[in-house]
Each structure stands twice: as C-alpha cells, then as structure tokens.
C-alpha cells in the first residue's frame, strides 16, 4: 500500500492494519519454516508496509 493512502487513513485503521500485517507475516514465516515457502518478496513487502505504518503513526504523534 502506498504511503499517501496510509496518510489518509485514521489512526485506529492504521493500528488495525498493522496488526493484520503482523499476522500475515507470522503466517508466512511459519510456512517458510515448514517448507511450504510462499514468496520471499511478499515477506519483504509486508515488512516495508509495517515500517511505513509505524513511520506515519510517529508523524501523527509528533503533529506533522
């Protein structure tokens, strides 16, 4: 998801989206450990989305 779309979302929605992404990442890591490898680029994208959300939440807290 693009950062511009994330900035338009409410804080509660961002927090919920972050928790959903963490669940997806955990599921993908589990499949990877078991040997049912899902795509590695997908893991990278999810981690980046989580980082974007955390950055935007920090921006909201600081008031920018």
N, C-alpha and C. Protein backbone atom coordinates (compact mmCIF):
# COMPACT_ATOMS: atom_id res chain seq x y z
N UNK A 1 0.84 -1.17 0.00
CA UNK A 1 0.00 0.00 0.00
C UNK A 1 0.90 1.24 0.00
N UNK A 2 0.47 2.24 -0.71
CA UNK A 2 1.24 3.47 -0.82
C UNK A 2 1.11 4.30 0.46
N UNK A 3 2.17 5.05 0.75
CA UNK A 3 2.18 5.89 1.94
C UNK A 3 1.13 6.98 1.87
N UNK A 4 0.85 7.49 0.68
CA UNK A 4 -0.16 8.55 0.55
C UNK A 4 -1.54 8.04 0.95
N UNK A 5 -1.86 6.78 0.62
CA UNK A 5 -3.14 6.21 1.03
C UNK A 5 -3.17 5.99 2.53
N UNK A 6 -2.04 5.61 3.09
CA UNK A 6 -1.96 5.37 4.53
C UNK A 6 -2.14 6.67 5.31
N UNK A 7 -1.63 7.76 4.77
CA UNK A 7 -1.76 9.04 5.46
C UNK A 7 -3.21 9.51 5.51
N UNK A 8 -4.02 9.05 4.57
CA UNK A 8 -5.44 9.43 4.54
C UNK A 8 -6.27 8.60 5.52
N UNK A 9 -5.69 7.52 6.04
CA UNK A 9 -6.43 6.64 6.94
C UNK A 9 -6.42 7.20 8.37
N UNK A 10 -7.40 6.78 9.16
CA UNK A 10 -7.47 7.19 10.57
C UNK A 10 -6.44 6.39 11.37
N UNK A 11 -6.09 6.91 12.53
CA UNK A 11 -5.08 6.27 13.37
C UNK A 11 -5.50 4.86 13.77
N UNK A 12 -6.77 4.69 14.12
CA UNK A 12 -7.27 3.37 14.53
C UNK A 12 -7.18 2.37 13.38
N UNK A 13 -7.46 2.85 12.16
CA UNK A 13 -7.38 1.98 10.99
C UNK A 13 -5.93 1.55 10.73
N UNK A 14 -5.01 2.47 10.92
CA UNK A 14 -3.60 2.14 10.74
C UNK A 14 -3.13 1.10 11.75
N UNK A 15 -3.57 1.26 12.99
CA UNK A 15 -3.19 0.30 14.03
C UNK A 15 -3.76 -1.07 13.70
N UNK A 16 -5.00 -1.11 13.24
CA UNK A 16 -5.62 -2.38 12.87
C UNK A 16 -4.90 -3.00 11.68
N UNK A 17 -4.55 -2.20 10.69
CA UNK A 17 -3.84 -2.69 9.51
C UNK A 17 -2.47 -3.25 9.91
N UNK A 18 -1.81 -2.58 10.84
CA UNK A 18 -0.50 -3.06 11.31
C UNK A 18 -0.63 -4.43 11.96
N UNK A 19 -1.65 -4.62 12.77
CA UNK A 19 -1.82 -5.92 13.43
C UNK A 19 -2.14 -7.01 12.40
N UNK A 20 -2.92 -6.68 11.38
CA UNK A 20 -3.21 -7.65 10.32
C UNK A 20 -1.95 -8.03 9.56
N UNK A 21 -1.11 -7.04 9.28
CA UNK A 21 0.14 -7.32 8.58
C UNK A 21 1.07 -8.18 9.42
N UNK A 22 1.09 -7.96 10.73
CA UNK A 22 1.91 -8.80 11.61
C UNK A 22 1.41 -10.25 11.58
N UNK A 23 0.10 -10.43 11.54
CA UNK A 23 -0.46 -11.78 11.46
C UNK A 23 -0.07 -12.46 10.14
N UNK A 24 -0.14 -11.70 9.04
CA UNK A 24 0.25 -12.24 7.75
C UNK A 24 1.72 -12.63 7.73
N UNK A 25 2.56 -11.76 8.31
CA UNK A 25 3.99 -12.03 8.34
C UNK A 25 4.28 -13.28 9.16
N UNK A 26 3.61 -13.44 10.28
CA UNK A 26 3.79 -14.63 11.11
C UNK A 26 3.38 -15.88 10.34
N UNK A 27 2.28 -15.81 9.63
CA UNK A 27 1.80 -16.94 8.84
C UNK A 27 2.81 -17.31 7.74
N UNK A 28 3.35 -16.31 7.07
CA UNK A 28 4.32 -16.56 6.01
C UNK A 28 5.60 -17.14 6.59
N UNK A 29 6.04 -16.63 7.73
CA UNK A 29 7.24 -17.18 8.37
C UNK A 29 7.04 -18.63 8.76
N UNK A 30 5.86 -18.96 9.25
CA UNK A 30 5.56 -20.33 9.63
C UNK A 30 5.63 -21.24 8.41
N UNK A 31 4.98 -20.83 7.31
CA UNK A 31 5.01 -21.63 6.10
C UNK A 31 6.43 -21.80 5.57
N UNK A 32 7.22 -20.76 5.71
CA UNK A 32 8.61 -20.83 5.27
C UNK A 32 9.40 -21.83 6.11
N UNK A 33 9.16 -21.84 7.40
CA UNK A 33 9.88 -22.74 8.29
C UNK A 33 9.47 -24.19 8.06
N UNK A 34 8.22 -24.41 7.71
CA UNK A 34 7.72 -25.76 7.47
C UNK A 34 8.19 -26.28 6.11
N UNK A 35 8.52 -25.38 5.22
CA UNK A 35 8.97 -25.78 3.91
C UNK A 35 8.00 -25.46 2.81
N UNK A 36 6.86 -24.93 3.16
CA UNK A 36 5.87 -24.51 2.16
C UNK A 36 6.12 -23.03 1.85
N UNK A 37 7.22 -22.78 1.21
CA UNK A 37 7.67 -21.41 1.03
C UNK A 37 6.70 -20.63 0.16
N UNK A 38 6.18 -19.58 0.74
CA UNK A 38 5.42 -18.61 -0.03
C UNK A 38 6.48 -17.69 -0.62
N UNK A 39 6.12 -16.67 -1.26
CA UNK A 39 7.11 -15.83 -1.93
C UNK A 39 7.89 -14.98 -0.92
N UNK A 40 9.20 -14.99 -1.06
CA UNK A 40 10.06 -14.18 -0.22
C UNK A 40 9.84 -12.69 -0.46
N UNK A 41 9.62 -12.27 -1.69
CA UNK A 41 9.36 -10.84 -1.91
C UNK A 41 8.10 -10.35 -1.18
N UNK A 42 7.14 -11.26 -0.97
CA UNK A 42 5.93 -10.88 -0.25
C UNK A 42 6.28 -10.53 1.20
N UNK A 43 7.19 -11.30 1.81
CA UNK A 43 7.62 -11.01 3.18
C UNK A 43 8.27 -9.62 3.24
N UNK A 44 9.09 -9.34 2.27
CA UNK A 44 9.77 -8.05 2.22
C UNK A 44 8.76 -6.90 2.11
N UNK A 45 7.75 -7.09 1.27
CA UNK A 45 6.72 -6.07 1.09
C UNK A 45 5.93 -5.83 2.36
N UNK A 46 5.60 -6.92 3.06
CA UNK A 46 4.85 -6.79 4.31
C UNK A 46 5.67 -6.05 5.36
N UNK A 47 6.95 -6.40 5.46
CA UNK A 47 7.81 -5.71 6.43
C UNK A 47 7.90 -4.22 6.11
N UNK A 48 7.98 -3.90 4.84
CA UNK A 48 8.04 -2.48 4.45
C UNK A 48 6.74 -1.76 4.76
N UNK A 49 5.61 -2.42 4.54
CA UNK A 49 4.33 -1.81 4.86
C UNK A 49 4.20 -1.55 6.36
N UNK A 50 4.68 -2.49 7.17
CA UNK A 50 4.66 -2.30 8.63
C UNK A 50 5.52 -1.10 9.00
N UNK A 51 6.69 -0.99 8.39
CA UNK A 51 7.57 0.14 8.67
C UNK A 51 6.92 1.46 8.25
N UNK A 52 6.25 1.46 7.10
CA UNK A 52 5.55 2.68 6.66
C UNK A 52 4.48 3.09 7.65
N UNK A 53 3.71 2.12 8.11
CA UNK A 53 2.65 2.42 9.07
C UNK A 53 3.23 2.99 10.35
N UNK A 54 4.31 2.38 10.85
CA UNK A 54 4.94 2.88 12.08
C UNK A 54 5.46 4.30 11.89
N UNK A 55 6.03 4.59 10.72
CA UNK A 55 6.53 5.93 10.44
C UNK A 55 5.39 6.94 10.42
N UNK A 56 4.30 6.59 9.77
CA UNK A 56 3.15 7.51 9.68
C UNK A 56 2.53 7.72 11.05
N UNK A 57 2.46 6.67 11.88
CA UNK A 57 1.93 6.83 13.23
C UNK A 57 2.81 7.77 14.05
N UNK A 58 4.13 7.66 13.89
CA UNK A 58 5.04 8.57 14.60
C UNK A 58 4.84 10.00 14.12
N UNK A 59 4.64 10.17 12.83
CA UNK A 59 4.38 11.51 12.29
C UNK A 59 3.10 12.10 12.88
N UNK A 60 2.07 11.26 13.01
CA UNK A 60 0.81 11.72 13.58
C UNK A 60 0.98 12.12 15.05
N UNK A 61 1.78 11.36 15.78
CA UNK A 61 2.01 11.68 17.19
C UNK A 61 2.77 12.98 17.35
N UNK A 62 3.73 13.23 16.46
CA UNK A 62 4.52 14.44 16.59
C UNK A 62 3.78 15.67 16.08
N UNK A 63 2.70 15.45 15.32
CA UNK A 63 1.87 16.57 14.88
C UNK A 63 2.22 17.12 13.53
N UNK A 64 3.02 16.40 12.76
CA UNK A 64 3.39 16.90 11.42
C UNK A 64 2.36 16.54 10.42
